[in-house]
Amino acid sequence: MQPVILLETHQYLVLHKPHGLNVERLPQGFPSVEEWVHQYQVRQGVKKPYTGIVHRLDRPVSGALIVAKKKSALKVLNEQFRERQVQKFYVARVSHRPPDHQAELIHWIEKDQLNKRAIAHEHPRKKAIKSRLHYEIMQEEADSLLLLVKPITGKFHQIRVQLASIGCPIVGDSKYGSAVSFQKDGIALHARRIIFTDPLSGNRVDVEAPCGFCGA
């Protein structure tokens, strides 16, 4: 269970994170992307390796993830995320058909710290943050559908809780109501594509991570 390098420069890596792997180091010493990148740089002969977590994917989610190898790159990439200059596209498998073929979902999401989950409200609530995503049906199969999901904001468990709130929990995501099993330690949500600006050249970079459960 290790990441795969999709793109590497001396400023950053774009990895394909497998589901079941933490992004950040944990005190318990579980495997993580952060530790893997550190050890990778050590093996490459880097004397003082730097690992900067630019953004996150939930542990059960797979797909494209950017990790900075320089503090300067981390600063620039973080700014791009803050200014919503990064485009992210996910694929989700769900068991139930959503109300519309495509739609924008707007909810106000708050974090339940005790149960480590998100709660989506249809109207503004104190401590809840407005969250938006767009989805469309990509493919229909006998027992499930594939959705292309583009989050407009990036909040805790946003895609998972927003799809669940319209009756379409992601396959394998028992935390948000799915009764359908998936692969161990994973759910059927994959960060398939990410588009951002190279911190040095200023060119747009477009990277795709192959999706194991959607045939591409």
N, C-alpha and C. Protein backbone atom coordinates (compact mmCIF):
# COMPACT_ATOMS: atom_id res chain seq x y z
N MET A 1 0.85 -1.19 0.00
CA MET A 1 0.00 0.00 0.00
C MET A 1 0.88 1.24 0.00
N GLN A 2 1.39 1.58 -1.18
CA GLN A 2 2.27 2.72 -1.31
C GLN A 2 1.78 3.66 -2.41
N PRO A 3 2.10 4.95 -2.30
CA PRO A 3 1.74 5.87 -3.37
C PRO A 3 2.51 5.56 -4.65
N VAL A 4 1.97 6.02 -5.76
CA VAL A 4 2.64 5.93 -7.06
C VAL A 4 2.89 7.35 -7.54
N ILE A 5 4.09 7.62 -8.01
CA ILE A 5 4.42 8.96 -8.50
C ILE A 5 3.84 9.16 -9.90
N LEU A 6 3.00 10.17 -10.04
CA LEU A 6 2.42 10.52 -11.34
C LEU A 6 3.23 11.61 -12.04
N LEU A 7 3.80 12.51 -11.24
CA LEU A 7 4.59 13.62 -11.78
C LEU A 7 5.56 14.08 -10.69
N GLU A 8 6.80 14.38 -11.09
CA GLU A 8 7.77 14.87 -10.11
C GLU A 8 8.59 16.01 -10.72
N THR A 9 8.74 17.07 -9.95
CA THR A 9 9.69 18.14 -10.26
C THR A 9 10.55 18.32 -9.01
N HIS A 10 11.52 19.21 -9.05
CA HIS A 10 12.32 19.42 -7.85
C HIS A 10 11.56 20.26 -6.82
N GLN A 11 10.36 20.74 -7.19
CA GLN A 11 9.54 21.54 -6.29
C GLN A 11 8.42 20.74 -5.62
N TYR A 12 7.90 19.73 -6.31
CA TYR A 12 6.73 19.01 -5.79
C TYR A 12 6.59 17.63 -6.44
N LEU A 13 5.74 16.83 -5.83
CA LEU A 13 5.32 15.54 -6.37
C LEU A 13 3.80 15.56 -6.54
N VAL A 14 3.32 14.89 -7.57
CA VAL A 14 1.90 14.56 -7.64
C VAL A 14 1.82 13.04 -7.55
N LEU A 15 1.13 12.57 -6.53
CA LEU A 15 1.07 11.14 -6.23
C LEU A 15 -0.32 10.58 -6.47
N HIS A 16 -0.36 9.28 -6.71
CA HIS A 16 -1.62 8.53 -6.68
C HIS A 16 -1.67 7.86 -5.32
N LYS A 17 -2.48 8.42 -4.42
CA LYS A 17 -2.61 7.86 -3.07
C LYS A 17 -3.59 6.69 -3.08
N PRO A 18 -3.19 5.54 -2.56
CA PRO A 18 -4.15 4.44 -2.46
C PRO A 18 -5.13 4.67 -1.31
N HIS A 19 -6.31 4.07 -1.41
CA HIS A 19 -7.23 4.19 -0.28
C HIS A 19 -6.66 3.40 0.90
N GLY A 20 -7.02 3.85 2.11
CA GLY A 20 -6.54 3.19 3.32
C GLY A 20 -5.24 3.76 3.86
N LEU A 21 -4.67 4.75 3.18
CA LEU A 21 -3.40 5.33 3.61
C LEU A 21 -3.62 6.75 4.11
N ASN A 22 -3.13 7.06 5.30
CA ASN A 22 -3.22 8.42 5.83
C ASN A 22 -2.34 9.36 5.02
N VAL A 23 -2.73 10.62 4.94
CA VAL A 23 -1.89 11.61 4.29
C VAL A 23 -0.82 12.10 5.25
N GLU A 24 -1.22 12.51 6.45
CA GLU A 24 -0.27 13.06 7.42
C GLU A 24 0.19 12.00 8.42
N ARG A 25 1.39 12.22 8.95
CA ARG A 25 1.90 11.34 10.01
C ARG A 25 0.98 11.39 11.22
N LEU A 26 0.82 10.25 11.87
CA LEU A 26 0.06 10.17 13.11
C LEU A 26 0.98 9.71 14.24
N PRO A 27 0.68 10.12 15.48
CA PRO A 27 1.53 9.73 16.60
C PRO A 27 1.65 8.21 16.76
N GLN A 28 0.61 7.48 16.34
CA GLN A 28 0.63 6.03 16.50
C GLN A 28 1.63 5.34 15.57
N GLY A 29 2.16 6.08 14.61
CA GLY A 29 3.16 5.51 13.73
C GLY A 29 2.61 4.74 12.54
N PHE A 30 1.32 4.93 12.22
CA PHE A 30 0.75 4.26 11.06
C PHE A 30 1.41 4.77 9.78
N PRO A 31 1.42 3.96 8.71
CA PRO A 31 1.98 4.43 7.43
C PRO A 31 1.25 5.68 6.95
N SER A 32 1.97 6.56 6.28
CA SER A 32 1.37 7.80 5.79
C SER A 32 2.09 8.25 4.53
N VAL A 33 1.42 9.07 3.74
CA VAL A 33 2.04 9.68 2.57
C VAL A 33 3.21 10.56 3.00
N GLU A 34 3.02 11.31 4.07
CA GLU A 34 4.07 12.22 4.54
C GLU A 34 5.37 11.47 4.84
N GLU A 35 5.26 10.35 5.54
CA GLU A 35 6.45 9.56 5.87
C GLU A 35 7.04 8.92 4.61
N TRP A 36 6.17 8.45 3.72
CA TRP A 36 6.66 7.82 2.49
C TRP A 36 7.46 8.81 1.66
N VAL A 37 6.98 10.06 1.53
CA VAL A 37 7.69 11.07 0.75
C VAL A 37 9.03 11.40 1.41
N HIS A 38 9.03 11.49 2.74
CA HIS A 38 10.28 11.75 3.45
C HIS A 38 11.31 10.65 3.15
N GLN A 39 10.89 9.41 3.28
CA GLN A 39 11.81 8.29 3.04
C GLN A 39 12.23 8.21 1.57
N TYR A 40 11.33 8.55 0.68
CA TYR A 40 11.66 8.56 -0.75
C TYR A 40 12.78 9.56 -1.03
N GLN A 41 12.68 10.74 -0.44
CA GLN A 41 13.72 11.75 -0.66
C GLN A 41 15.05 11.34 -0.03
N VAL A 42 14.98 10.68 1.11
CA VAL A 42 16.21 10.16 1.73
C VAL A 42 16.89 9.17 0.79
N ARG A 43 16.10 8.28 0.20
CA ARG A 43 16.66 7.30 -0.74
C ARG A 43 17.25 7.98 -1.98
N GLN A 44 16.72 9.16 -2.31
CA GLN A 44 17.23 9.90 -3.46
C GLN A 44 18.50 10.69 -3.13
N GLY A 45 18.91 10.64 -1.87
CA GLY A 45 20.13 11.32 -1.46
C GLY A 45 19.94 12.76 -1.02
N VAL A 46 18.69 13.16 -0.78
CA VAL A 46 18.43 14.53 -0.31
C VAL A 46 18.87 14.63 1.15
N LYS A 47 19.74 15.59 1.46
CA LYS A 47 20.31 15.68 2.80
C LYS A 47 19.31 16.19 3.83
N LYS A 48 18.53 17.18 3.45
CA LYS A 48 17.54 17.73 4.37
C LYS A 48 16.17 17.72 3.69
N PRO A 49 15.54 16.55 3.62
CA PRO A 49 14.26 16.45 2.90
C PRO A 49 13.17 17.27 3.57
N TYR A 50 12.37 17.90 2.72
CA TYR A 50 11.23 18.68 3.20
C TYR A 50 9.96 18.08 2.61
N THR A 51 8.95 17.90 3.44
CA THR A 51 7.67 17.37 2.98
C THR A 51 6.56 18.30 3.42
N GLY A 52 5.94 18.97 2.46
CA GLY A 52 4.87 19.92 2.77
C GLY A 52 3.54 19.42 2.25
N ILE A 53 2.60 19.19 3.16
CA ILE A 53 1.27 18.71 2.77
C ILE A 53 0.46 19.89 2.23
N VAL A 54 0.16 19.85 0.95
CA VAL A 54 -0.54 20.95 0.28
C VAL A 54 -2.04 20.86 0.52
N HIS A 55 -2.59 19.67 0.40
CA HIS A 55 -4.02 19.44 0.62
C HIS A 55 -4.18 18.00 1.09
N ARG A 56 -5.39 17.58 1.35
CA ARG A 56 -5.60 16.27 1.95
C ARG A 56 -6.66 15.47 1.22
N LEU A 57 -6.53 14.17 1.32
CA LEU A 57 -7.58 13.24 0.93
C LEU A 57 -7.90 12.39 2.15
N ASP A 58 -9.17 12.13 2.40
CA ASP A 58 -9.53 11.28 3.52
C ASP A 58 -8.86 9.92 3.39
N ARG A 59 -8.61 9.28 4.51
CA ARG A 59 -7.92 7.98 4.51
C ARG A 59 -8.56 6.97 3.57
N PRO A 60 -9.90 6.83 3.52
CA PRO A 60 -10.48 5.81 2.63
C PRO A 60 -10.60 6.23 1.17
N VAL A 61 -10.14 7.44 0.84
CA VAL A 61 -10.26 7.97 -0.53
C VAL A 61 -8.94 7.79 -1.27
N SER A 62 -9.01 7.47 -2.54
CA SER A 62 -7.81 7.32 -3.37
C SER A 62 -7.71 8.49 -4.35
N GLY A 63 -6.53 8.60 -4.99
CA GLY A 63 -6.42 9.55 -6.09
C GLY A 63 -5.27 10.53 -6.01
N ALA A 64 -5.37 11.57 -6.85
CA ALA A 64 -4.28 12.52 -7.07
C ALA A 64 -4.08 13.44 -5.87
N LEU A 65 -2.82 13.56 -5.46
CA LEU A 65 -2.46 14.34 -4.28
C LEU A 65 -1.14 15.06 -4.54
N ILE A 66 -1.10 16.37 -4.26
CA ILE A 66 0.13 17.15 -4.43
C ILE A 66 0.86 17.23 -3.10
N VAL A 67 2.17 17.00 -3.13
CA VAL A 67 3.02 17.16 -1.94
C VAL A 67 4.21 18.03 -2.33
N ALA A 68 4.45 19.09 -1.57
CA ALA A 68 5.56 19.99 -1.87
C ALA A 68 6.88 19.44 -1.33
N LYS A 69 7.96 19.69 -2.08
CA LYS A 69 9.30 19.31 -1.63
C LYS A 69 10.12 20.54 -1.23
N LYS A 70 9.53 21.72 -1.40
CA LYS A 70 10.18 22.97 -1.02
C LYS A 70 9.17 23.85 -0.29
N LYS A 71 9.64 24.59 0.72
CA LYS A 71 8.74 25.49 1.44
C LYS A 71 8.17 26.55 0.51
N SER A 72 8.99 27.02 -0.42
CA SER A 72 8.53 28.04 -1.36
C SER A 72 7.38 27.51 -2.22
N ALA A 73 7.48 26.25 -2.63
CA ALA A 73 6.41 25.65 -3.43
C ALA A 73 5.14 25.48 -2.61
N LEU A 74 5.30 25.08 -1.35
CA LEU A 74 4.14 24.91 -0.47
C LEU A 74 3.38 26.23 -0.33
N LYS A 75 4.11 27.32 -0.16
CA LYS A 75 3.48 28.63 0.00
C LYS A 75 2.67 29.00 -1.23
N VAL A 76 3.25 28.81 -2.41
CA VAL A 76 2.56 29.17 -3.66
C VAL A 76 1.35 28.27 -3.89
N LEU A 77 1.51 26.98 -3.66
CA LEU A 77 0.41 26.04 -3.89
C LEU A 77 -0.72 26.25 -2.89
N ASN A 78 -0.37 26.54 -1.63
CA ASN A 78 -1.40 26.83 -0.64
C ASN A 78 -2.22 28.05 -1.04
N GLU A 79 -1.55 29.04 -1.59
CA GLU A 79 -2.24 30.26 -2.04
C GLU A 79 -3.20 29.93 -3.17
N GLN A 80 -2.79 29.05 -4.07
CA GLN A 80 -3.68 28.65 -5.17
C GLN A 80 -4.95 27.98 -4.64
N PHE A 81 -4.80 27.15 -3.62
CA PHE A 81 -5.97 26.51 -3.03
C PHE A 81 -6.86 27.54 -2.34
N ARG A 82 -6.24 28.47 -1.62
CA ARG A 82 -7.04 29.50 -0.93
C ARG A 82 -7.83 30.35 -1.92
N GLU A 83 -7.22 30.64 -3.06
CA GLU A 83 -7.86 31.49 -4.07
C GLU A 83 -8.73 30.68 -5.04
N ARG A 84 -8.88 29.39 -4.77
CA ARG A 84 -9.70 28.49 -5.60
C ARG A 84 -9.24 28.48 -7.05
N GLN A 85 -7.93 28.48 -7.23
CA GLN A 85 -7.35 28.41 -8.57
C GLN A 85 -7.03 26.97 -8.97
N VAL A 86 -7.23 26.04 -8.06
CA VAL A 86 -6.98 24.62 -8.32
C VAL A 86 -8.31 23.95 -8.65
N GLN A 87 -8.33 23.19 -9.74
CA GLN A 87 -9.53 22.45 -10.11
C GLN A 87 -9.34 20.98 -9.76
N LYS A 88 -10.34 20.42 -9.10
CA LYS A 88 -10.29 19.01 -8.71
C LYS A 88 -11.55 18.30 -9.22
N PHE A 89 -11.34 17.11 -9.75
CA PHE A 89 -12.45 16.31 -10.27
C PHE A 89 -12.39 14.92 -9.62
N TYR A 90 -13.51 14.50 -9.08
CA TYR A 90 -13.61 13.20 -8.42
C TYR A 90 -14.59 12.31 -9.17
N VAL A 91 -14.41 11.00 -9.00
CA VAL A 91 -15.39 10.02 -9.45
C VAL A 91 -15.93 9.32 -8.21
N ALA A 92 -17.25 9.21 -8.13
CA ALA A 92 -17.88 8.53 -7.00
C ALA A 92 -18.85 7.48 -7.52
N ARG A 93 -18.84 6.32 -6.90
CA ARG A 93 -19.83 5.29 -7.22
C ARG A 93 -20.90 5.30 -6.14
N VAL A 94 -22.15 5.39 -6.56
CA VAL A 94 -23.27 5.41 -5.62
C VAL A 94 -24.29 4.34 -6.02
N SER A 95 -25.09 3.91 -5.06
CA SER A 95 -26.06 2.85 -5.32
C SER A 95 -27.42 3.37 -5.73
N HIS A 96 -27.68 4.64 -5.43
CA HIS A 96 -29.01 5.21 -5.71
C HIS A 96 -28.88 6.36 -6.71
N ARG A 97 -29.88 6.48 -7.54
CA ARG A 97 -29.88 7.54 -8.55
C ARG A 97 -30.17 8.89 -7.89
N PRO A 98 -29.37 9.91 -8.17
CA PRO A 98 -29.65 11.23 -7.60
C PRO A 98 -30.89 11.85 -8.22
N PRO A 99 -31.44 12.89 -7.60
CA PRO A 99 -32.68 13.49 -8.09
C PRO A 99 -32.57 14.05 -9.51
N ASP A 100 -31.39 14.56 -9.89
CA ASP A 100 -31.20 15.17 -11.20
C ASP A 100 -30.00 14.55 -11.89
N HIS A 101 -29.98 14.64 -13.23
CA HIS A 101 -28.85 14.11 -13.99
C HIS A 101 -27.58 14.88 -13.64
N GLN A 102 -27.71 16.19 -13.47
CA GLN A 102 -26.61 17.01 -13.00
C GLN A 102 -27.18 18.16 -12.18
N ALA A 103 -26.41 18.61 -11.21
CA ALA A 103 -26.91 19.68 -10.34
C ALA A 103 -25.77 20.24 -9.51
N GLU A 104 -26.00 21.44 -8.98
CA GLU A 104 -25.10 22.00 -7.98
C GLU A 104 -25.75 21.83 -6.62
N LEU A 105 -24.99 21.31 -5.68
CA LEU A 105 -25.48 21.13 -4.32
C LEU A 105 -24.90 22.21 -3.42
N ILE A 106 -25.76 22.81 -2.62
CA ILE A 106 -25.33 23.82 -1.65
C ILE A 106 -25.83 23.41 -0.27
N HIS A 107 -24.91 23.26 0.65
CA HIS A 107 -25.25 22.94 2.03
C HIS A 107 -24.37 23.78 2.96
N TRP A 108 -24.78 23.83 4.22
CA TRP A 108 -23.97 24.44 5.26
C TRP A 108 -23.47 23.29 6.14
N ILE A 109 -22.16 23.12 6.15
CA ILE A 109 -21.57 21.94 6.78
C ILE A 109 -20.89 22.32 8.09
N GLU A 110 -21.17 21.53 9.11
CA GLU A 110 -20.46 21.68 10.38
C GLU A 110 -19.80 20.36 10.74
N LYS A 111 -18.73 20.45 11.49
CA LYS A 111 -17.95 19.27 11.86
C LYS A 111 -18.36 18.79 13.24
N ASP A 112 -18.71 17.52 13.31
CA ASP A 112 -19.01 16.86 14.58
C ASP A 112 -17.70 16.28 15.10
N GLN A 113 -17.04 17.03 15.97
CA GLN A 113 -15.71 16.63 16.44
C GLN A 113 -15.75 15.31 17.21
N LEU A 114 -16.80 15.11 17.99
CA LEU A 114 -16.89 13.92 18.83
C LEU A 114 -16.94 12.65 17.99
N ASN A 115 -17.76 12.67 16.94
CA ASN A 115 -17.95 11.48 16.11
C ASN A 115 -17.13 11.50 14.82
N LYS A 116 -16.31 12.54 14.65
CA LYS A 116 -15.42 12.66 13.50
C LYS A 116 -16.18 12.50 12.18
N ARG A 117 -17.25 13.27 12.07
CA ARG A 117 -18.03 13.25 10.84
C ARG A 117 -18.58 14.65 10.59
N ALA A 118 -19.12 14.85 9.40
CA ALA A 118 -19.70 16.14 9.04
C ALA A 118 -21.22 16.05 9.05
N ILE A 119 -21.85 17.19 9.27
CA ILE A 119 -23.31 17.29 9.23
C ILE A 119 -23.66 18.38 8.23
N ALA A 120 -24.54 18.05 7.28
CA ALA A 120 -24.93 19.00 6.24
C ALA A 120 -26.33 19.54 6.52
N HIS A 121 -26.46 20.86 6.48
CA HIS A 121 -27.75 21.51 6.69
C HIS A 121 -28.17 22.20 5.40
N GLU A 122 -29.47 22.27 5.16
CA GLU A 122 -29.97 22.90 3.94
C GLU A 122 -30.04 24.41 4.06
N HIS A 123 -29.95 24.92 5.28
CA HIS A 123 -30.03 26.36 5.50
C HIS A 123 -28.89 26.80 6.42
N PRO A 124 -28.54 28.08 6.40
CA PRO A 124 -27.44 28.56 7.25
C PRO A 124 -27.65 28.21 8.71
N ARG A 125 -26.56 27.81 9.34
CA ARG A 125 -26.57 27.49 10.77
C ARG A 125 -25.32 28.06 11.40
N LYS A 126 -25.42 28.39 12.67
CA LYS A 126 -24.25 28.87 13.40
C LYS A 126 -23.16 27.81 13.38
N LYS A 127 -21.94 28.21 13.09
CA LYS A 127 -20.75 27.35 13.02
C LYS A 127 -20.72 26.45 11.79
N ALA A 128 -21.73 26.55 10.93
CA ALA A 128 -21.73 25.75 9.70
C ALA A 128 -21.23 26.62 8.54
N ILE A 129 -20.46 26.01 7.64
CA ILE A 129 -19.82 26.74 6.55
C ILE A 129 -20.48 26.38 5.22
N LYS A 130 -20.79 27.40 4.44
CA LYS A 130 -21.42 27.18 3.15
C LYS A 130 -20.50 26.37 2.24
N SER A 131 -21.04 25.31 1.65
CA SER A 131 -20.24 24.39 0.84
C SER A 131 -20.98 24.06 -0.45
N ARG A 132 -20.23 24.01 -1.55
CA ARG A 132 -20.85 23.81 -2.87
C ARG A 132 -20.08 22.77 -3.67
N LEU A 133 -20.82 21.98 -4.43
CA LEU A 133 -20.20 21.08 -5.40
C LEU A 133 -21.15 20.90 -6.58
N HIS A 134 -20.58 20.46 -7.69
CA HIS A 134 -21.37 20.13 -8.88
C HIS A 134 -21.16 18.66 -9.18
N TYR A 135 -22.24 17.97 -9.53
CA TYR A 135 -22.12 16.57 -9.94
C TYR A 135 -22.88 16.34 -11.23
N GLU A 136 -22.49 15.30 -11.94
CA GLU A 136 -23.28 14.84 -13.07
C GLU A 136 -23.09 13.33 -13.21
N ILE A 137 -24.11 12.67 -13.73
CA ILE A 137 -24.04 11.22 -13.92
C ILE A 137 -23.15 10.92 -15.12
N MET A 138 -22.13 10.10 -14.90
CA MET A 138 -21.22 9.69 -15.97
C MET A 138 -21.69 8.40 -16.64
N GLN A 139 -22.13 7.47 -15.80
CA GLN A 139 -22.41 6.12 -16.30
C GLN A 139 -23.41 5.44 -15.39
N GLU A 140 -24.34 4.71 -15.98
CA GLU A 140 -25.31 3.94 -15.21
C GLU A 140 -25.07 2.46 -15.44
N GLU A 141 -25.04 1.71 -14.35
CA GLU A 141 -24.88 0.27 -14.43
C GLU A 141 -26.06 -0.40 -13.74
N ALA A 142 -26.07 -1.71 -13.73
CA ALA A 142 -27.22 -2.44 -13.21
C ALA A 142 -27.51 -2.12 -11.75
N ASP A 143 -26.46 -2.02 -10.94
CA ASP A 143 -26.68 -1.85 -9.50
C ASP A 143 -26.06 -0.58 -8.94
N SER A 144 -25.52 0.28 -9.79
CA SER A 144 -24.88 1.50 -9.29
C SER A 144 -24.70 2.51 -10.41
N LEU A 145 -24.27 3.71 -10.02
CA LEU A 145 -23.99 4.77 -10.97
C LEU A 145 -22.64 5.39 -10.65
N LEU A 146 -21.98 5.90 -11.69
CA LEU A 146 -20.76 6.67 -11.50
C LEU A 146 -21.09 8.15 -11.67
N LEU A 147 -20.65 8.94 -10.71
CA LEU A 147 -20.85 10.39 -10.76
C LEU A 147 -19.51 11.08 -10.94
N LEU A 148 -19.48 12.11 -11.78
CA LEU A 148 -18.34 13.01 -11.85
C LEU A 148 -18.65 14.17 -10.91
N VAL A 149 -17.77 14.42 -9.96
CA VAL A 149 -18.02 15.42 -8.93
C VAL A 149 -16.91 16.47 -8.96
N LYS A 150 -17.32 17.73 -9.00
CA LYS A 150 -16.36 18.83 -8.93
C LYS A 150 -16.69 19.69 -7.71
N PRO A 151 -15.89 19.57 -6.65
CA PRO A 151 -16.14 20.43 -5.48
C PRO A 151 -15.73 21.87 -5.79
N ILE A 152 -16.57 22.80 -5.42
CA ILE A 152 -16.27 24.22 -5.60
C ILE A 152 -15.60 24.77 -4.35
N THR A 153 -15.99 24.24 -3.21
CA THR A 153 -15.31 24.52 -1.95
C THR A 153 -14.65 23.22 -1.49
N GLY A 154 -13.84 23.31 -0.46
CA GLY A 154 -13.16 22.11 0.02
C GLY A 154 -13.26 21.99 1.52
N LYS A 155 -14.33 21.39 1.99
CA LYS A 155 -14.58 21.27 3.43
C LYS A 155 -14.46 19.82 3.89
N PHE A 156 -14.40 19.64 5.18
CA PHE A 156 -14.25 18.33 5.81
C PHE A 156 -15.36 17.37 5.36
N HIS A 157 -14.98 16.26 4.73
CA HIS A 157 -15.92 15.22 4.28
C HIS A 157 -17.01 15.78 3.37
N GLN A 158 -16.71 16.86 2.67
CA GLN A 158 -17.76 17.56 1.93
C GLN A 158 -18.48 16.69 0.91
N ILE A 159 -17.74 16.05 0.01
CA ILE A 159 -18.39 15.24 -1.03
C ILE A 159 -19.20 14.12 -0.40
N ARG A 160 -18.63 13.49 0.60
CA ARG A 160 -19.28 12.35 1.24
C ARG A 160 -20.61 12.74 1.87
N VAL A 161 -20.61 13.83 2.63
CA VAL A 161 -21.83 14.20 3.34
C VAL A 161 -22.85 14.85 2.40
N GLN A 162 -22.39 15.60 1.40
CA GLN A 162 -23.35 16.23 0.49
C GLN A 162 -24.06 15.20 -0.38
N LEU A 163 -23.34 14.21 -0.88
CA LEU A 163 -24.02 13.17 -1.66
C LEU A 163 -24.96 12.35 -0.78
N ALA A 164 -24.53 12.06 0.43
CA ALA A 164 -25.40 11.32 1.35
C ALA A 164 -26.67 12.10 1.66
N SER A 165 -26.56 13.42 1.70
CA SER A 165 -27.71 14.25 2.05
C SER A 165 -28.80 14.24 0.98
N ILE A 166 -28.45 13.84 -0.25
CA ILE A 166 -29.48 13.73 -1.30
C ILE A 166 -29.84 12.26 -1.55
N GLY A 167 -29.51 11.40 -0.58
CA GLY A 167 -29.88 10.00 -0.67
C GLY A 167 -28.94 9.14 -1.48
N CYS A 168 -27.71 9.63 -1.70
CA CYS A 168 -26.74 8.91 -2.53
C CYS A 168 -25.41 8.72 -1.81
N PRO A 169 -25.40 7.98 -0.69
CA PRO A 169 -24.12 7.76 -0.03
C PRO A 169 -23.16 7.01 -0.95
N ILE A 170 -21.89 7.30 -0.83
CA ILE A 170 -20.88 6.65 -1.65
C ILE A 170 -20.74 5.19 -1.23
N VAL A 171 -20.62 4.31 -2.21
CA VAL A 171 -20.50 2.88 -1.94
C VAL A 171 -19.34 2.63 -0.97
N GLY A 172 -19.64 1.88 0.09
CA GLY A 172 -18.63 1.54 1.09
C GLY A 172 -18.52 2.53 2.23
N ASP A 173 -19.21 3.68 2.12
CA ASP A 173 -19.07 4.73 3.13
C ASP A 173 -20.13 4.57 4.22
N SER A 174 -19.92 3.59 5.09
CA SER A 174 -20.89 3.30 6.14
C SER A 174 -21.07 4.46 7.11
N LYS A 175 -20.05 5.30 7.24
CA LYS A 175 -20.15 6.47 8.13
C LYS A 175 -21.29 7.38 7.70
N TYR A 176 -21.58 7.40 6.40
CA TYR A 176 -22.63 8.27 5.88
C TYR A 176 -23.80 7.49 5.27
N GLY A 177 -23.98 6.25 5.73
CA GLY A 177 -25.21 5.55 5.42
C GLY A 177 -25.17 4.49 4.35
N SER A 178 -24.01 4.21 3.76
CA SER A 178 -23.96 3.16 2.73
C SER A 178 -24.05 1.79 3.39
N ALA A 179 -24.90 0.94 2.82
CA ALA A 179 -25.02 -0.44 3.30
C ALA A 179 -24.34 -1.41 2.34
N VAL A 180 -23.64 -0.86 1.35
CA VAL A 180 -22.98 -1.68 0.33
C VAL A 180 -21.49 -1.75 0.64
N SER A 181 -20.94 -2.94 0.59
CA SER A 181 -19.52 -3.10 0.91
C SER A 181 -18.65 -2.70 -0.27
N PHE A 182 -17.42 -2.31 0.05
CA PHE A 182 -16.43 -1.95 -0.96
C PHE A 182 -15.12 -2.62 -0.55
N GLN A 183 -14.02 -2.15 -1.04
CA GLN A 183 -12.73 -2.74 -0.68
C GLN A 183 -12.36 -2.37 0.76
N LYS A 184 -11.58 -3.22 1.40
CA LYS A 184 -11.19 -2.99 2.78
C LYS A 184 -10.50 -1.64 2.93
N ASP A 185 -10.91 -0.88 3.94
CA ASP A 185 -10.32 0.42 4.28
C ASP A 185 -10.55 1.48 3.20
N GLY A 186 -11.50 1.24 2.30
CA GLY A 186 -11.73 2.21 1.24
C GLY A 186 -13.19 2.46 0.97
N ILE A 187 -13.47 3.57 0.30
CA ILE A 187 -14.80 3.87 -0.22
C ILE A 187 -14.64 4.18 -1.70
N ALA A 188 -15.74 4.15 -2.43
CA ALA A 188 -15.69 4.34 -3.89
C ALA A 188 -15.70 5.82 -4.25
N LEU A 189 -14.69 6.52 -3.76
CA LEU A 189 -14.48 7.94 -4.09
C LEU A 189 -13.02 8.11 -4.48
N HIS A 190 -12.80 8.66 -5.67
CA HIS A 190 -11.45 8.74 -6.23
C HIS A 190 -11.19 10.14 -6.79
N ALA A 191 -10.09 10.75 -6.36
CA ALA A 191 -9.67 12.05 -6.89
C ALA A 191 -8.98 11.81 -8.23
N ARG A 192 -9.74 11.92 -9.29
CA ARG A 192 -9.27 11.46 -10.60
C ARG A 192 -8.36 12.45 -11.31
N ARG A 193 -8.60 13.75 -11.11
CA ARG A 193 -7.86 14.74 -11.90
C ARG A 193 -7.65 16.00 -11.07
N ILE A 194 -6.47 16.61 -11.23
CA ILE A 194 -6.19 17.87 -10.55
C ILE A 194 -5.45 18.79 -11.50
N ILE A 195 -5.86 20.06 -11.53
CA ILE A 195 -5.27 21.06 -12.41
C ILE A 195 -4.81 22.24 -11.56
N PHE A 196 -3.55 22.60 -11.68
CA PHE A 196 -2.98 23.69 -10.88
C PHE A 196 -1.90 24.38 -11.69
N THR A 197 -1.29 25.42 -11.11
CA THR A 197 -0.24 26.17 -11.78
C THR A 197 1.11 25.83 -11.19
N ASP A 198 2.07 25.50 -12.05
CA ASP A 198 3.42 25.19 -11.59
C ASP A 198 4.00 26.41 -10.87
N PRO A 199 4.52 26.24 -9.64
CA PRO A 199 5.01 27.39 -8.86
C PRO A 199 6.13 28.18 -9.52
N LEU A 200 6.93 27.54 -10.37
CA LEU A 200 8.06 28.23 -11.00
C LEU A 200 7.74 28.71 -12.41
N SER A 201 7.25 27.82 -13.26
CA SER A 201 7.05 28.18 -14.67
C SER A 201 5.80 29.00 -14.91
N GLY A 202 4.81 28.85 -14.04
CA GLY A 202 3.54 29.52 -14.26
C GLY A 202 2.63 28.81 -15.24
N ASN A 203 3.07 27.66 -15.75
CA ASN A 203 2.26 26.88 -16.68
C ASN A 203 1.20 26.08 -15.92
N ARG A 204 0.07 25.87 -16.55
CA ARG A 204 -0.96 25.04 -15.95
C ARG A 204 -0.55 23.57 -16.07
N VAL A 205 -0.76 22.83 -15.00
CA VAL A 205 -0.41 21.42 -14.94
C VAL A 205 -1.70 20.62 -14.75
N ASP A 206 -1.87 19.58 -15.55
CA ASP A 206 -3.09 18.78 -15.54
C ASP A 206 -2.69 17.31 -15.37
N VAL A 207 -3.04 16.72 -14.23
CA VAL A 207 -2.61 15.35 -13.92
C VAL A 207 -3.83 14.49 -13.61
N GLU A 208 -3.84 13.28 -14.16
CA GLU A 208 -4.91 12.33 -13.89
C GLU A 208 -4.37 11.11 -13.18
N ALA A 209 -5.15 10.59 -12.24
CA ALA A 209 -4.81 9.36 -11.53
C ALA A 209 -5.77 8.27 -11.98
N PRO A 210 -5.28 7.15 -12.49
CA PRO A 210 -6.16 6.08 -12.95
C PRO A 210 -7.11 5.62 -11.84
N CYS A 211 -8.33 5.35 -12.23
CA CYS A 211 -9.38 4.97 -11.28
C CYS A 211 -9.59 3.46 -11.33
N GLY A 212 -9.36 2.79 -10.23
CA GLY A 212 -9.44 1.34 -10.20
C GLY A 212 -10.84 0.78 -10.27
N PHE A 213 -11.85 1.54 -9.82
CA PHE A 213 -13.21 0.99 -9.78
C PHE A 213 -14.11 1.54 -10.88
N CYS A 214 -13.55 2.37 -11.77
CA CYS A 214 -14.40 2.92 -12.83
C CYS A 214 -13.86 2.64 -14.22
N GLY A 215 -12.93 1.71 -14.31
CA GLY A 215 -12.48 1.24 -15.61
C GLY A 215 -11.65 2.22 -16.41
N ALA A 216 -10.97 3.17 -15.72
CA ALA A 216 -10.12 4.12 -16.44
C ALA A 216 -8.94 4.51 -15.58
